[in-house]
Amino acid sequence: MEDVTLTIQATDTGIGLHETPYSFDGGESWQETGEYTYTQSTKTQIQVKDKAGNIAVYDFTINIKKVMTKRSM
């Protein structure tokens, strides 16, 4: 069974992105990289912030189907 890593790369053609522009938990915490690993299906909100503090909000659902594979013995 494997987890899913989501990677996003945002750009801002105006003043640029904030030093820690990405939030994968609805704005509770912010990080420099646009990468987050999900371990189960969930409804989530990604936010991206520019240097002026403007925030773009994206709501969506991550669906993860973990499948067990048979191993030969």
Protein backbone atom coordinates (compact mmCIF):
# COMPACT_ATOMS: atom_id res chain seq x y z
CA MET A 1 0.00 0.00 0.00
CA GLU A 2 1.37 3.37 -0.93
CA ASP A 3 0.64 6.94 0.08
CA VAL A 4 0.14 9.71 -2.50
CA THR A 5 2.40 12.75 -2.73
CA LEU A 6 0.86 15.80 -4.37
CA THR A 7 3.23 18.39 -5.83
CA ILE A 8 2.09 21.82 -6.99
CA GLN A 9 4.08 24.73 -8.37
CA ALA A 10 2.49 28.15 -8.27
CA THR A 11 3.66 31.36 -9.92
CA ASP A 12 2.77 35.01 -9.43
CA THR A 13 3.49 37.33 -12.33
CA GLY A 14 2.97 40.40 -10.13
CA ILE A 15 5.05 40.80 -6.97
CA GLY A 16 5.87 37.11 -6.55
CA LEU A 17 5.07 34.43 -4.03
CA HIS A 18 5.53 34.70 -0.27
CA GLU A 19 8.62 33.01 1.27
CA THR A 20 6.34 30.22 2.58
CA PRO A 21 3.53 30.32 0.03
CA TYR A 22 1.88 26.89 0.41
CA SER A 23 -0.66 25.64 2.93
CA PHE A 24 -2.14 22.16 2.70
CA ASP A 25 -4.24 22.44 5.88
CA GLY A 26 -6.56 25.36 5.24
CA GLY A 27 -4.09 28.05 6.31
CA GLU A 28 -3.14 26.60 9.71
CA SER A 29 0.50 26.25 8.68
CA TRP A 30 2.60 27.40 5.71
CA GLN A 31 5.58 25.82 3.99
CA GLU A 32 8.19 26.67 1.38
CA THR A 33 7.66 23.64 -0.84
CA GLY A 34 4.53 22.73 -2.76
CA GLU A 35 4.68 19.07 -1.79
CA TYR A 36 2.45 17.18 0.63
CA THR A 37 1.89 13.46 1.25
CA TYR A 38 -1.60 12.11 1.84
CA THR A 39 -2.08 8.78 3.62
CA GLN A 40 -5.85 8.46 3.15
CA SER A 41 -8.72 9.92 1.16
CA THR A 42 -9.73 13.35 2.39
CA LYS A 43 -11.39 16.63 1.54
CA THR A 44 -8.68 19.27 1.63
CA GLN A 45 -7.92 22.89 0.97
CA ILE A 46 -4.69 24.15 -0.56
CA GLN A 47 -3.89 27.82 -0.23
CA VAL A 48 -1.19 29.78 -2.07
CA LYS A 49 -0.06 33.18 -0.77
CA ASP A 50 1.76 36.02 -2.56
CA LYS A 51 4.10 38.64 -1.03
CA ALA A 52 1.20 41.07 -0.55
CA GLY A 53 -0.70 38.49 1.52
CA ASN A 54 -3.31 37.71 -1.15
CA ILE A 55 -4.40 34.08 -0.88
CA ALA A 56 -5.76 31.83 -3.62
CA VAL A 57 -7.90 29.00 -2.23
CA TYR A 58 -8.45 25.60 -3.86
CA ASP A 59 -10.89 23.07 -2.34
CA PHE A 60 -10.89 19.51 -3.60
CA THR A 61 -11.05 15.85 -2.65
CA ILE A 62 -8.12 13.43 -2.65
CA ASN A 63 -9.24 9.85 -3.31
CA ILE A 64 -6.74 7.15 -2.42
CA LYS A 65 -7.51 3.52 -3.05
CA LYS A 66 -4.94 1.31 -1.41
CA VAL A 67 -4.74 -2.15 -2.88
CA MET A 68 -3.06 -5.14 -1.31
CA THR A 69 -1.07 -7.21 -3.76
CA LYS A 70 -0.47 -10.93 -3.48
CA ARG A 71 3.10 -12.00 -2.98
CA SER A 72 4.38 -15.39 -4.04
CA MET A 73 5.89 -17.49 -1.31
